[in-house]
N, C-alpha and C. Protein backbone atom coordinates (compact mmCIF):
# COMPACT_ATOMS: atom_id res chain seq x y z
N UNK A 1 -23.42 -0.84 -3.78
CA UNK A 1 -22.37 -0.69 -4.79
C UNK A 1 -21.45 0.46 -4.40
N UNK A 2 -20.17 0.29 -4.61
CA UNK A 2 -19.20 1.35 -4.34
C UNK A 2 -18.32 1.55 -5.57
N UNK A 3 -17.77 2.73 -5.70
CA UNK A 3 -16.98 3.09 -6.87
C UNK A 3 -15.49 2.92 -6.57
N UNK A 4 -14.85 2.03 -7.30
CA UNK A 4 -13.43 1.72 -7.10
C UNK A 4 -12.64 2.19 -8.31
N UNK A 5 -11.33 2.31 -8.14
CA UNK A 5 -10.45 2.70 -9.25
C UNK A 5 -9.39 1.63 -9.48
N UNK A 6 -8.91 1.57 -10.70
CA UNK A 6 -7.88 0.62 -11.11
C UNK A 6 -7.10 1.28 -12.24
N UNK A 7 -5.84 0.90 -12.48
CA UNK A 7 -5.14 1.47 -13.63
C UNK A 7 -5.91 1.22 -14.92
N UNK A 8 -5.90 2.18 -15.82
CA UNK A 8 -6.62 2.04 -17.09
C UNK A 8 -6.11 0.82 -17.86
N UNK A 9 -4.81 0.57 -17.78
CA UNK A 9 -4.22 -0.63 -18.37
C UNK A 9 -3.47 -1.36 -17.26
N UNK A 10 -3.96 -2.54 -16.90
CA UNK A 10 -3.37 -3.29 -15.79
C UNK A 10 -2.51 -4.42 -16.32
N UNK A 11 -1.30 -4.58 -15.80
CA UNK A 11 -0.45 -5.69 -16.23
C UNK A 11 -1.06 -7.03 -15.82
N UNK A 12 -0.66 -8.09 -16.49
CA UNK A 12 -1.07 -9.43 -16.09
C UNK A 12 -0.21 -9.89 -14.90
N UNK A 13 -0.77 -10.72 -14.06
CA UNK A 13 -0.02 -11.25 -12.93
C UNK A 13 0.13 -10.25 -11.80
N UNK A 14 1.18 -10.40 -11.02
CA UNK A 14 1.42 -9.57 -9.84
C UNK A 14 2.03 -8.23 -10.23
N UNK A 15 1.54 -7.16 -9.61
CA UNK A 15 2.11 -5.83 -9.83
C UNK A 15 1.74 -4.93 -8.65
N UNK A 16 2.42 -3.79 -8.56
CA UNK A 16 2.11 -2.75 -7.58
C UNK A 16 1.64 -1.52 -8.34
N UNK A 17 0.53 -0.95 -7.91
CA UNK A 17 0.02 0.28 -8.52
C UNK A 17 0.01 1.38 -7.47
N UNK A 18 0.44 2.58 -7.84
CA UNK A 18 0.41 3.72 -6.94
C UNK A 18 -0.61 4.72 -7.49
N UNK A 19 -1.63 4.99 -6.70
CA UNK A 19 -2.66 5.96 -7.06
C UNK A 19 -2.31 7.29 -6.41
N UNK A 20 -2.53 8.38 -7.15
CA UNK A 20 -2.11 9.70 -6.69
C UNK A 20 -3.24 10.71 -6.80
N UNK A 21 -3.39 11.51 -5.75
CA UNK A 21 -4.33 12.63 -5.78
C UNK A 21 -3.61 13.87 -5.27
N UNK A 22 -3.51 14.90 -6.12
CA UNK A 22 -2.92 16.18 -5.72
C UNK A 22 -4.05 17.15 -5.38
N UNK A 23 -3.89 17.83 -4.25
CA UNK A 23 -4.95 18.74 -3.80
C UNK A 23 -4.33 19.93 -3.09
N UNK A 24 -5.13 20.95 -2.87
CA UNK A 24 -4.64 22.17 -2.23
C UNK A 24 -5.67 22.66 -1.23
N UNK A 25 -5.19 23.13 -0.07
CA UNK A 25 -6.07 23.69 0.96
C UNK A 25 -5.69 25.14 1.22
N UNK A 26 -6.67 25.97 1.43
CA UNK A 26 -6.42 27.40 1.70
C UNK A 26 -6.07 27.64 3.16
N UNK A 27 -6.55 26.77 4.05
CA UNK A 27 -6.27 26.89 5.48
C UNK A 27 -5.90 25.51 6.02
N UNK A 28 -5.45 25.46 7.25
CA UNK A 28 -5.21 24.17 7.88
C UNK A 28 -6.52 23.40 7.94
N UNK A 29 -6.49 22.16 7.53
CA UNK A 29 -7.72 21.39 7.38
C UNK A 29 -7.54 19.98 7.92
N UNK A 30 -8.66 19.30 8.12
CA UNK A 30 -8.66 17.88 8.48
C UNK A 30 -9.05 17.07 7.27
N UNK A 31 -8.16 16.19 6.87
CA UNK A 31 -8.44 15.28 5.77
C UNK A 31 -9.11 14.05 6.37
N UNK A 32 -10.36 13.81 5.99
CA UNK A 32 -11.14 12.75 6.60
C UNK A 32 -11.77 11.89 5.52
N UNK A 33 -11.48 10.58 5.57
CA UNK A 33 -12.01 9.69 4.55
C UNK A 33 -11.96 8.25 5.04
N UNK A 34 -12.58 7.36 4.28
CA UNK A 34 -12.43 5.93 4.50
C UNK A 34 -11.95 5.31 3.20
N UNK A 35 -11.22 4.21 3.31
CA UNK A 35 -10.68 3.58 2.11
C UNK A 35 -10.69 2.07 2.27
N UNK A 36 -10.55 1.40 1.14
CA UNK A 36 -10.35 -0.03 1.13
C UNK A 36 -9.51 -0.36 -0.09
N UNK A 37 -9.02 -1.58 -0.17
CA UNK A 37 -8.17 -1.97 -1.28
C UNK A 37 -8.20 -3.48 -1.43
N UNK A 38 -7.85 -3.93 -2.60
CA UNK A 38 -7.72 -5.35 -2.90
C UNK A 38 -6.43 -5.53 -3.69
N UNK A 39 -5.34 -6.09 -3.10
CA UNK A 39 -5.36 -6.80 -1.83
C UNK A 39 -5.34 -5.84 -0.63
N UNK A 40 -4.26 -5.05 -0.53
CA UNK A 40 -4.11 -4.10 0.57
C UNK A 40 -3.38 -2.87 0.05
N UNK A 41 -3.38 -1.80 0.87
CA UNK A 41 -2.76 -0.55 0.44
C UNK A 41 -1.94 0.06 1.56
N UNK A 42 -0.91 0.81 1.16
CA UNK A 42 -0.13 1.66 2.06
C UNK A 42 -0.35 3.10 1.60
N UNK A 43 -0.76 3.96 2.52
CA UNK A 43 -1.07 5.35 2.17
C UNK A 43 0.03 6.28 2.68
N UNK A 44 0.36 7.28 1.84
CA UNK A 44 1.40 8.25 2.15
C UNK A 44 0.87 9.65 1.87
N UNK A 45 1.15 10.56 2.78
CA UNK A 45 0.78 11.97 2.62
C UNK A 45 2.07 12.77 2.48
N UNK A 46 2.26 13.38 1.31
CA UNK A 46 3.49 14.11 1.00
C UNK A 46 4.73 13.24 1.22
N UNK A 47 4.60 11.97 0.86
CA UNK A 47 5.73 11.05 0.94
C UNK A 47 5.94 10.39 2.28
N UNK A 48 5.19 10.79 3.32
CA UNK A 48 5.34 10.22 4.65
C UNK A 48 4.22 9.22 4.91
N UNK A 49 4.58 8.08 5.51
CA UNK A 49 3.57 7.06 5.77
C UNK A 49 2.41 7.61 6.58
N UNK A 50 1.19 7.31 6.13
CA UNK A 50 -0.01 7.74 6.82
C UNK A 50 -0.67 6.56 7.52
N UNK A 51 -0.91 5.49 6.80
CA UNK A 51 -1.52 4.30 7.37
C UNK A 51 -1.45 3.18 6.35
N UNK A 52 -1.96 2.02 6.72
CA UNK A 52 -2.10 0.93 5.76
C UNK A 52 -3.35 0.15 6.11
N UNK A 53 -3.82 -0.65 5.18
CA UNK A 53 -5.02 -1.42 5.42
C UNK A 53 -5.65 -1.87 4.12
N UNK A 54 -6.86 -2.38 4.13
CA UNK A 54 -7.73 -2.45 5.31
C UNK A 54 -7.41 -3.67 6.16
N UNK A 55 -8.13 -3.79 7.26
CA UNK A 55 -8.05 -4.98 8.10
C UNK A 55 -8.32 -6.22 7.24
N UNK A 56 -7.59 -7.27 7.50
CA UNK A 56 -7.76 -8.48 6.68
C UNK A 56 -9.12 -9.13 6.95
N UNK A 57 -9.81 -9.45 5.87
CA UNK A 57 -11.13 -10.05 5.99
C UNK A 57 -11.28 -11.22 5.05
N UNK A 58 -12.47 -11.43 4.56
CA UNK A 58 -12.77 -12.53 3.65
C UNK A 58 -13.62 -11.99 2.52
N UNK A 59 -13.75 -12.79 1.48
CA UNK A 59 -14.53 -12.35 0.33
C UNK A 59 -15.96 -11.99 0.72
N UNK A 60 -16.50 -12.67 1.73
CA UNK A 60 -17.87 -12.40 2.16
C UNK A 60 -17.95 -11.29 3.21
N UNK A 61 -16.79 -10.82 3.68
CA UNK A 61 -16.79 -9.82 4.75
C UNK A 61 -15.55 -8.95 4.59
N UNK A 62 -15.64 -7.94 3.73
CA UNK A 62 -14.51 -7.07 3.39
C UNK A 62 -14.58 -5.78 4.23
N UNK A 63 -13.42 -5.29 4.61
CA UNK A 63 -13.37 -4.14 5.51
C UNK A 63 -12.98 -2.84 4.80
N UNK A 64 -13.34 -1.73 5.44
CA UNK A 64 -12.76 -0.44 5.09
C UNK A 64 -11.98 0.07 6.28
N UNK A 65 -11.21 1.13 6.08
CA UNK A 65 -10.39 1.72 7.13
C UNK A 65 -10.68 3.22 7.18
N UNK A 66 -10.79 3.77 8.39
CA UNK A 66 -11.03 5.20 8.57
C UNK A 66 -9.71 5.95 8.73
N UNK A 67 -9.63 7.16 8.17
CA UNK A 67 -8.43 7.98 8.26
C UNK A 67 -8.83 9.42 8.55
N UNK A 68 -8.13 10.07 9.46
CA UNK A 68 -8.27 11.50 9.72
C UNK A 68 -6.87 12.06 9.92
N UNK A 69 -6.51 13.07 9.15
CA UNK A 69 -5.16 13.63 9.23
C UNK A 69 -5.22 15.14 9.07
N UNK A 70 -4.41 15.85 9.84
CA UNK A 70 -4.33 17.30 9.73
C UNK A 70 -3.36 17.67 8.60
N UNK A 71 -3.76 18.62 7.77
CA UNK A 71 -2.89 19.11 6.71
C UNK A 71 -2.81 20.64 6.80
N UNK A 72 -1.61 21.15 6.60
CA UNK A 72 -1.41 22.60 6.63
C UNK A 72 -1.93 23.21 5.33
N UNK A 73 -2.08 24.52 5.33
CA UNK A 73 -2.49 25.21 4.11
C UNK A 73 -1.42 25.02 3.04
N UNK A 74 -1.85 24.82 1.80
CA UNK A 74 -0.90 24.66 0.71
C UNK A 74 -1.21 23.45 -0.14
N UNK A 75 -0.24 23.08 -0.97
CA UNK A 75 -0.39 21.96 -1.89
C UNK A 75 0.09 20.66 -1.24
N UNK A 76 -0.63 19.59 -1.51
CA UNK A 76 -0.31 18.30 -0.93
C UNK A 76 -0.54 17.20 -1.97
N UNK A 77 -0.01 16.02 -1.66
CA UNK A 77 -0.25 14.86 -2.52
C UNK A 77 -0.47 13.64 -1.64
N UNK A 78 -1.56 12.93 -1.91
CA UNK A 78 -1.86 11.68 -1.24
C UNK A 78 -1.61 10.55 -2.22
N UNK A 79 -0.81 9.56 -1.82
CA UNK A 79 -0.57 8.41 -2.68
C UNK A 79 -0.96 7.14 -1.95
N UNK A 80 -1.39 6.16 -2.72
CA UNK A 80 -1.77 4.86 -2.17
C UNK A 80 -1.11 3.78 -3.01
N UNK A 81 -0.19 3.05 -2.40
CA UNK A 81 0.43 1.92 -3.09
C UNK A 81 -0.42 0.68 -2.83
N UNK A 82 -0.98 0.12 -3.89
CA UNK A 82 -1.88 -1.02 -3.78
C UNK A 82 -1.18 -2.27 -4.28
N UNK A 83 -1.15 -3.30 -3.45
CA UNK A 83 -0.58 -4.58 -3.83
C UNK A 83 -1.62 -5.37 -4.62
N UNK A 84 -1.33 -5.64 -5.86
CA UNK A 84 -2.22 -6.41 -6.71
C UNK A 84 -1.53 -7.75 -6.98
N UNK A 85 -1.71 -8.68 -6.05
CA UNK A 85 -0.96 -9.92 -6.08
C UNK A 85 -1.76 -11.03 -6.75
N UNK A 86 -1.06 -11.83 -7.51
CA UNK A 86 -1.65 -12.95 -8.23
C UNK A 86 -2.48 -13.81 -7.27
N UNK A 87 -3.79 -13.99 -7.54
CA UNK A 87 -4.63 -14.75 -6.59
C UNK A 87 -4.51 -16.26 -6.71
N UNK A 88 -3.83 -16.77 -7.74
CA UNK A 88 -3.75 -18.20 -7.96
C UNK A 88 -2.76 -18.84 -6.99
N UNK A 89 -3.26 -19.67 -6.07
CA UNK A 89 -2.39 -20.30 -5.07
C UNK A 89 -1.32 -21.18 -5.71
N UNK A 90 -1.64 -21.78 -6.84
CA UNK A 90 -0.68 -22.67 -7.48
C UNK A 90 0.55 -21.92 -7.98
N UNK A 91 0.38 -20.64 -8.31
CA UNK A 91 1.53 -19.86 -8.78
C UNK A 91 2.36 -19.31 -7.63
N UNK A 92 1.83 -19.39 -6.41
CA UNK A 92 2.55 -19.03 -5.18
C UNK A 92 3.09 -17.60 -5.19
N UNK A 93 2.39 -16.69 -5.88
CA UNK A 93 2.72 -15.27 -5.78
C UNK A 93 1.58 -14.51 -5.12
N UNK A 94 0.76 -15.20 -4.38
CA UNK A 94 -0.41 -14.59 -3.76
C UNK A 94 -0.04 -14.05 -2.38
N UNK A 95 -1.01 -13.37 -1.77
CA UNK A 95 -0.89 -12.96 -0.37
C UNK A 95 -1.65 -14.00 0.44
N UNK A 96 -0.94 -14.87 1.13
CA UNK A 96 -1.59 -15.99 1.81
C UNK A 96 -2.52 -15.52 2.93
N UNK A 97 -2.26 -14.36 3.51
CA UNK A 97 -3.07 -13.88 4.63
C UNK A 97 -4.17 -12.92 4.18
N UNK A 98 -4.37 -12.77 2.88
CA UNK A 98 -5.37 -11.82 2.39
C UNK A 98 -6.05 -12.40 1.16
N UNK A 99 -7.36 -12.54 1.23
CA UNK A 99 -8.10 -13.00 0.06
C UNK A 99 -8.20 -11.89 -0.98
N UNK A 100 -8.74 -12.24 -2.14
CA UNK A 100 -8.89 -11.25 -3.21
C UNK A 100 -10.19 -11.52 -3.96
N UNK A 101 -10.87 -10.44 -4.31
CA UNK A 101 -12.08 -10.53 -5.13
C UNK A 101 -11.79 -9.94 -6.51
N UNK A 102 -11.38 -8.67 -6.50
CA UNK A 102 -11.00 -7.97 -7.72
C UNK A 102 -10.09 -6.82 -7.33
N UNK A 103 -8.94 -6.73 -7.96
CA UNK A 103 -7.97 -5.70 -7.59
C UNK A 103 -8.54 -4.30 -7.79
N UNK A 104 -8.15 -3.39 -6.91
CA UNK A 104 -8.59 -2.01 -7.04
C UNK A 104 -8.41 -1.25 -5.75
N UNK A 105 -8.78 0.03 -5.79
CA UNK A 105 -8.65 0.93 -4.64
C UNK A 105 -9.92 1.74 -4.52
N UNK A 106 -10.42 1.85 -3.29
CA UNK A 106 -11.65 2.59 -2.99
C UNK A 106 -11.35 3.69 -1.99
N UNK A 107 -11.87 4.88 -2.21
CA UNK A 107 -11.74 5.98 -1.25
C UNK A 107 -12.99 6.83 -1.30
N UNK A 108 -13.51 7.13 -0.12
CA UNK A 108 -14.72 7.96 0.00
C UNK A 108 -14.48 8.99 1.09
N UNK A 109 -14.58 10.26 0.72
CA UNK A 109 -14.36 11.33 1.69
C UNK A 109 -15.57 11.51 2.60
N UNK A 110 -15.30 12.07 3.77
CA UNK A 110 -16.38 12.47 4.65
C UNK A 110 -17.11 13.66 4.03
N UNK A 111 -18.36 13.81 4.37
CA UNK A 111 -19.17 14.88 3.79
C UNK A 111 -18.54 16.25 4.06
N UNK A 112 -18.50 17.07 3.04
CA UNK A 112 -18.06 18.45 3.22
C UNK A 112 -16.61 18.73 2.90
N UNK A 113 -15.78 17.70 2.65
CA UNK A 113 -14.37 17.98 2.37
C UNK A 113 -14.12 18.19 0.88
N UNK A 114 -14.45 17.19 0.06
CA UNK A 114 -14.35 17.31 -1.41
C UNK A 114 -12.97 17.78 -1.87
N UNK A 115 -11.91 17.22 -1.28
CA UNK A 115 -10.55 17.57 -1.68
C UNK A 115 -9.94 16.51 -2.59
N UNK A 116 -10.33 15.27 -2.40
CA UNK A 116 -9.66 14.16 -3.08
C UNK A 116 -10.50 13.69 -4.27
N UNK A 117 -10.47 14.49 -5.33
CA UNK A 117 -11.35 14.22 -6.46
C UNK A 117 -10.61 13.71 -7.70
N UNK A 118 -9.44 14.26 -7.98
CA UNK A 118 -8.75 13.99 -9.24
C UNK A 118 -7.62 12.98 -9.02
N UNK A 119 -7.76 11.80 -9.62
CA UNK A 119 -6.82 10.72 -9.40
C UNK A 119 -6.15 10.29 -10.69
N UNK A 120 -4.88 9.91 -10.58
CA UNK A 120 -4.18 9.22 -11.66
C UNK A 120 -3.32 8.14 -11.02
N UNK A 121 -2.59 7.38 -11.81
CA UNK A 121 -1.85 6.26 -11.24
C UNK A 121 -0.61 5.95 -12.06
N UNK A 122 0.26 5.16 -11.46
CA UNK A 122 1.49 4.73 -12.11
C UNK A 122 1.82 3.32 -11.60
N UNK A 123 2.15 2.42 -12.52
CA UNK A 123 2.60 1.09 -12.14
C UNK A 123 4.06 1.19 -11.70
N UNK A 124 4.41 0.50 -10.61
CA UNK A 124 5.80 0.50 -10.15
C UNK A 124 6.64 -0.37 -11.08
N UNK A 125 7.32 0.29 -12.01
CA UNK A 125 8.18 -0.43 -12.95
C UNK A 125 9.49 -0.83 -12.27
N UNK A 126 10.20 -1.73 -12.90
CA UNK A 126 11.49 -2.16 -12.37
C UNK A 126 11.39 -3.19 -11.28
N UNK A 127 10.19 -3.68 -11.00
CA UNK A 127 10.01 -4.69 -9.94
C UNK A 127 9.68 -6.03 -10.57
N UNK A 128 10.35 -7.08 -10.10
CA UNK A 128 10.01 -8.44 -10.50
C UNK A 128 9.68 -9.22 -9.24
N UNK A 129 8.84 -10.24 -9.39
CA UNK A 129 8.31 -10.98 -8.25
C UNK A 129 8.62 -12.46 -8.40
N UNK A 130 9.10 -13.06 -7.32
CA UNK A 130 9.51 -14.46 -7.36
C UNK A 130 8.80 -15.26 -6.27
N UNK A 131 8.65 -16.54 -6.52
CA UNK A 131 8.09 -17.44 -5.51
C UNK A 131 9.02 -17.46 -4.31
N UNK A 132 8.48 -17.31 -3.09
CA UNK A 132 9.34 -17.21 -1.90
C UNK A 132 9.83 -18.54 -1.37
N UNK A 133 10.32 -19.39 -2.24
CA UNK A 133 10.83 -20.71 -1.82
C UNK A 133 12.17 -20.56 -1.08
N UNK A 134 12.40 -21.25 0.03
CA UNK A 134 11.56 -22.29 0.63
C UNK A 134 10.56 -21.76 1.64
N UNK A 135 10.44 -20.45 1.77
CA UNK A 135 9.49 -19.87 2.72
C UNK A 135 8.07 -20.20 2.27
N UNK A 136 7.15 -20.15 3.23
CA UNK A 136 5.75 -20.41 2.92
C UNK A 136 4.89 -19.45 3.71
N UNK A 137 3.76 -19.09 3.14
CA UNK A 137 2.83 -18.22 3.85
C UNK A 137 3.24 -16.76 3.87
N UNK A 138 4.07 -16.36 2.93
CA UNK A 138 4.54 -14.98 2.90
C UNK A 138 4.16 -14.34 1.57
N UNK A 139 4.54 -13.06 1.42
CA UNK A 139 4.38 -12.38 0.14
C UNK A 139 5.44 -12.88 -0.84
N UNK A 140 5.25 -12.63 -2.14
CA UNK A 140 6.32 -12.94 -3.10
C UNK A 140 7.57 -12.12 -2.79
N UNK A 141 8.70 -12.64 -3.16
CA UNK A 141 9.94 -11.86 -3.06
C UNK A 141 9.94 -10.80 -4.16
N UNK A 142 10.40 -9.63 -3.81
CA UNK A 142 10.42 -8.51 -4.75
C UNK A 142 11.86 -8.15 -5.07
N UNK A 143 12.17 -8.03 -6.34
CA UNK A 143 13.46 -7.53 -6.78
C UNK A 143 13.25 -6.19 -7.47
N UNK A 144 13.98 -5.18 -7.00
CA UNK A 144 13.87 -3.84 -7.55
C UNK A 144 15.10 -3.57 -8.40
N UNK A 145 14.88 -3.27 -9.66
CA UNK A 145 16.00 -3.06 -10.58
C UNK A 145 15.91 -1.75 -11.31
N UNK A 146 16.57 -1.69 -12.45
CA UNK A 146 16.59 -0.48 -13.26
C UNK A 146 15.18 -0.12 -13.71
N UNK A 147 14.93 1.18 -13.77
CA UNK A 147 13.62 1.63 -14.21
C UNK A 147 12.66 1.94 -13.09
N UNK A 148 13.05 1.62 -11.85
CA UNK A 148 12.17 1.92 -10.72
C UNK A 148 12.23 3.41 -10.39
N UNK A 149 11.07 4.00 -10.12
CA UNK A 149 10.97 5.42 -9.79
C UNK A 149 11.09 5.60 -8.28
N UNK A 150 12.20 6.12 -7.76
CA UNK A 150 12.37 6.25 -6.31
C UNK A 150 11.50 7.33 -5.67
N UNK A 151 10.86 8.16 -6.50
CA UNK A 151 10.03 9.25 -5.96
C UNK A 151 8.54 8.97 -6.14
N UNK A 152 8.20 7.74 -6.45
CA UNK A 152 6.81 7.44 -6.79
C UNK A 152 5.86 7.68 -5.62
N UNK A 153 6.28 7.37 -4.39
CA UNK A 153 5.39 7.55 -3.25
C UNK A 153 5.22 9.01 -2.87
N UNK A 154 6.06 9.89 -3.42
CA UNK A 154 5.89 11.33 -3.27
C UNK A 154 4.99 11.90 -4.37
N UNK A 155 4.56 11.03 -5.27
CA UNK A 155 3.74 11.48 -6.39
C UNK A 155 4.53 12.21 -7.45
N UNK A 156 5.81 11.88 -7.55
CA UNK A 156 6.70 12.58 -8.48
C UNK A 156 7.35 11.59 -9.43
N UNK A 157 7.84 12.10 -10.55
CA UNK A 157 8.61 11.30 -11.49
C UNK A 157 7.76 10.31 -12.25
N UNK A 158 8.36 9.71 -13.28
CA UNK A 158 7.65 8.69 -14.04
C UNK A 158 6.51 9.26 -14.86
N UNK A 159 5.70 8.37 -15.38
CA UNK A 159 4.56 8.75 -16.21
C UNK A 159 3.28 8.35 -15.49
N UNK A 160 2.42 9.33 -15.23
CA UNK A 160 1.16 9.10 -14.53
C UNK A 160 0.03 9.06 -15.55
N UNK A 161 -0.85 8.10 -15.40
CA UNK A 161 -1.93 7.87 -16.37
C UNK A 161 -3.28 7.92 -15.66
N UNK A 162 -4.35 8.14 -16.42
CA UNK A 162 -5.69 8.18 -15.80
C UNK A 162 -6.08 6.84 -15.19
N UNK A 163 -6.96 6.88 -14.23
CA UNK A 163 -7.50 5.66 -13.64
C UNK A 163 -8.78 5.27 -14.38
N UNK A 164 -9.16 4.03 -14.21
CA UNK A 164 -10.44 3.56 -14.73
C UNK A 164 -11.32 3.22 -13.54
N UNK A 165 -12.57 3.68 -13.56
CA UNK A 165 -13.50 3.47 -12.46
C UNK A 165 -14.39 2.27 -12.74
N UNK A 166 -14.75 1.54 -11.70
CA UNK A 166 -15.70 0.43 -11.86
C UNK A 166 -16.56 0.32 -10.61
N UNK A 167 -17.74 -0.24 -10.78
CA UNK A 167 -18.66 -0.46 -9.67
C UNK A 167 -18.38 -1.83 -9.05
N UNK A 168 -18.25 -1.85 -7.74
CA UNK A 168 -17.96 -3.09 -7.02
C UNK A 168 -19.10 -3.34 -6.03
N UNK A 169 -19.59 -4.57 -6.00
CA UNK A 169 -20.77 -4.84 -5.17
C UNK A 169 -20.43 -5.49 -3.84
N UNK A 170 -19.14 -5.57 -3.47
CA UNK A 170 -18.82 -6.14 -2.16
C UNK A 170 -19.31 -5.22 -1.06
N UNK A 171 -19.77 -5.80 0.03
CA UNK A 171 -20.23 -5.01 1.17
C UNK A 171 -19.04 -4.68 2.06
N UNK A 172 -18.85 -3.39 2.34
CA UNK A 172 -17.71 -2.95 3.15
C UNK A 172 -18.16 -2.79 4.60
N UNK A 173 -17.38 -3.37 5.51
CA UNK A 173 -17.72 -3.37 6.93
C UNK A 173 -16.75 -2.49 7.70
N UNK A 174 -17.26 -1.87 8.76
CA UNK A 174 -16.40 -1.04 9.59
C UNK A 174 -15.39 -1.91 10.32
N UNK A 175 -14.23 -1.36 10.69
CA UNK A 175 -13.18 -2.17 11.33
C UNK A 175 -13.65 -2.79 12.65
N UNK A 176 -13.21 -4.00 12.90
CA UNK A 176 -13.44 -4.65 14.19
C UNK A 176 -12.27 -4.44 15.14
N UNK A 177 -11.09 -4.17 14.59
CA UNK A 177 -9.89 -4.01 15.40
C UNK A 177 -9.45 -2.55 15.44
N UNK A 178 -8.77 -2.15 16.49
CA UNK A 178 -8.19 -0.79 16.51
C UNK A 178 -7.05 -0.72 15.51
N UNK A 179 -6.64 0.48 15.12
CA UNK A 179 -5.50 0.59 14.20
C UNK A 179 -4.27 -0.10 14.76
N UNK A 180 -3.53 -0.77 13.89
CA UNK A 180 -2.33 -1.46 14.33
C UNK A 180 -1.26 -0.46 14.76
N UNK A 181 -0.49 -0.82 15.78
CA UNK A 181 0.57 0.06 16.27
C UNK A 181 1.66 0.19 15.22
N UNK A 182 2.27 1.35 15.21
CA UNK A 182 3.39 1.61 14.29
C UNK A 182 4.51 2.24 15.11
N UNK A 183 5.09 1.44 15.99
CA UNK A 183 6.13 1.91 16.91
C UNK A 183 7.48 1.37 16.47
N UNK A 184 8.51 2.15 16.71
CA UNK A 184 9.87 1.68 16.42
C UNK A 184 10.26 0.63 17.46
N UNK A 185 10.83 -0.48 17.01
CA UNK A 185 11.29 -1.54 17.89
C UNK A 185 12.76 -1.78 17.58
N UNK A 186 13.59 -1.58 18.57
CA UNK A 186 15.03 -1.74 18.38
C UNK A 186 15.50 -3.05 18.99
N UNK A 187 16.41 -3.77 18.33
CA UNK A 187 16.94 -5.01 18.93
C UNK A 187 17.75 -4.70 20.19
N UNK A 188 17.78 -5.67 21.09
CA UNK A 188 18.52 -5.50 22.33
C UNK A 188 20.02 -5.43 22.05
N UNK A 189 20.48 -6.28 21.15
CA UNK A 189 21.86 -6.18 20.68
C UNK A 189 21.98 -6.91 19.35
N UNK A 190 23.08 -6.69 18.67
CA UNK A 190 23.28 -7.25 17.33
C UNK A 190 24.57 -8.06 17.28
N UNK A 191 24.55 -9.08 16.42
CA UNK A 191 25.75 -9.80 16.04
C UNK A 191 25.71 -9.94 14.52
N UNK A 192 26.80 -10.25 13.90
CA UNK A 192 26.79 -10.32 12.43
C UNK A 192 25.66 -11.18 11.88
N UNK A 193 24.77 -10.54 11.16
CA UNK A 193 23.66 -11.24 10.54
C UNK A 193 22.49 -11.56 11.45
N UNK A 194 22.57 -11.20 12.75
CA UNK A 194 21.51 -11.54 13.69
C UNK A 194 21.11 -10.33 14.52
N UNK A 195 19.81 -10.24 14.82
CA UNK A 195 19.27 -9.18 15.67
C UNK A 195 18.53 -9.85 16.83
N UNK A 196 18.86 -9.49 18.05
CA UNK A 196 18.27 -10.12 19.23
C UNK A 196 17.28 -9.17 19.90
N UNK A 197 16.07 -9.70 20.17
CA UNK A 197 15.04 -8.92 20.87
C UNK A 197 14.76 -9.58 22.22
N UNK A 198 14.43 -8.79 23.25
CA UNK A 198 14.21 -9.37 24.58
C UNK A 198 12.95 -10.23 24.65
N UNK A 199 11.95 -9.95 23.81
CA UNK A 199 10.73 -10.74 23.78
C UNK A 199 10.38 -11.03 22.33
N UNK A 200 9.47 -11.98 22.15
CA UNK A 200 9.00 -12.33 20.81
C UNK A 200 8.36 -11.09 20.17
N UNK A 201 8.69 -10.83 18.94
CA UNK A 201 8.17 -9.63 18.29
C UNK A 201 7.79 -9.94 16.84
N UNK A 202 6.64 -9.42 16.43
CA UNK A 202 6.24 -9.44 15.02
C UNK A 202 6.41 -8.02 14.49
N UNK A 203 7.22 -7.85 13.47
CA UNK A 203 7.52 -6.49 13.03
C UNK A 203 7.84 -6.47 11.54
N UNK A 204 7.59 -5.31 10.94
CA UNK A 204 8.09 -5.03 9.60
C UNK A 204 9.49 -4.45 9.75
N UNK A 205 10.32 -4.68 8.76
CA UNK A 205 11.65 -4.09 8.80
C UNK A 205 11.70 -2.85 7.91
N UNK A 206 12.62 -1.97 8.24
CA UNK A 206 12.82 -0.76 7.45
C UNK A 206 14.32 -0.60 7.22
N UNK A 207 14.71 -0.53 5.96
CA UNK A 207 16.12 -0.51 5.60
C UNK A 207 16.45 0.76 4.83
N UNK A 208 17.63 1.28 5.06
CA UNK A 208 18.12 2.46 4.33
C UNK A 208 19.48 2.10 3.71
N UNK A 209 19.63 2.35 2.42
CA UNK A 209 20.87 2.03 1.72
C UNK A 209 21.39 3.26 0.99
N UNK A 210 22.70 3.36 0.90
CA UNK A 210 23.32 4.42 0.13
C UNK A 210 24.40 3.82 -0.76
N UNK A 211 24.78 4.56 -1.80
CA UNK A 211 25.85 4.10 -2.67
C UNK A 211 25.34 3.15 -3.74
N UNK A 212 26.26 2.41 -4.34
CA UNK A 212 25.93 1.51 -5.44
C UNK A 212 26.33 0.09 -5.09
N UNK A 213 25.64 -0.87 -5.68
CA UNK A 213 25.94 -2.27 -5.44
C UNK A 213 24.68 -3.08 -5.32
N UNK A 214 24.76 -4.27 -4.75
CA UNK A 214 23.60 -5.13 -4.58
C UNK A 214 23.47 -5.52 -3.11
N UNK A 215 22.22 -5.71 -2.68
CA UNK A 215 21.95 -6.05 -1.28
C UNK A 215 20.97 -7.21 -1.28
N UNK A 216 21.21 -8.21 -0.43
CA UNK A 216 20.29 -9.32 -0.24
C UNK A 216 19.91 -9.40 1.23
N UNK A 217 18.63 -9.30 1.51
CA UNK A 217 18.14 -9.32 2.90
C UNK A 217 17.20 -10.50 3.05
N UNK A 218 17.41 -11.30 4.07
CA UNK A 218 16.45 -12.36 4.41
C UNK A 218 16.04 -12.16 5.85
N UNK A 219 14.73 -12.07 6.06
CA UNK A 219 14.20 -11.77 7.38
C UNK A 219 13.15 -12.83 7.70
N UNK A 220 13.26 -13.48 8.84
CA UNK A 220 12.28 -14.49 9.21
C UNK A 220 12.13 -14.52 10.73
């Protein structure tokens, strides 16, 4: 059995939850822990991406992910954005490449650190989720509107609430794969609406916007 956390009040259907732990170190330290999530999580240290995971598995074989990070002396905040996607295939808001047992987030520190003890959470408001038609096998489309907290991954702004703990009996397995690469990949050249790469590439996109207005991005 392992101890997992979930928002004290969880919305129905698909939602994103950000779990936050604020801690302080007197000297430069190594933050060492393992984590898992259902469906998956993106971890940020002081607002900067740390890692994501766990490795995709199955209900009978769920994984955890190991993390080790250096932190300077002072105050820090670790946040974990957990995708809690509707598991019903008929509603087509699920994560097709990731099974689900029960939504939540698990974190266990290595012996002797005891830094990541006090947790709270915030639901990402202002987000709506749509069926990705005509696409298939992808995540739901996300629309971000009014009420979204742009500082949530820094552990700032909005209203943070206590977490609820529960015992989970899934067996967690050590990773079979090395950590996925997180390298910048630039297109060879661009034309209006198109990006050309010299070889086949599977990648996440990263977009930066300024000013006011609306933006529609389709990536395939």
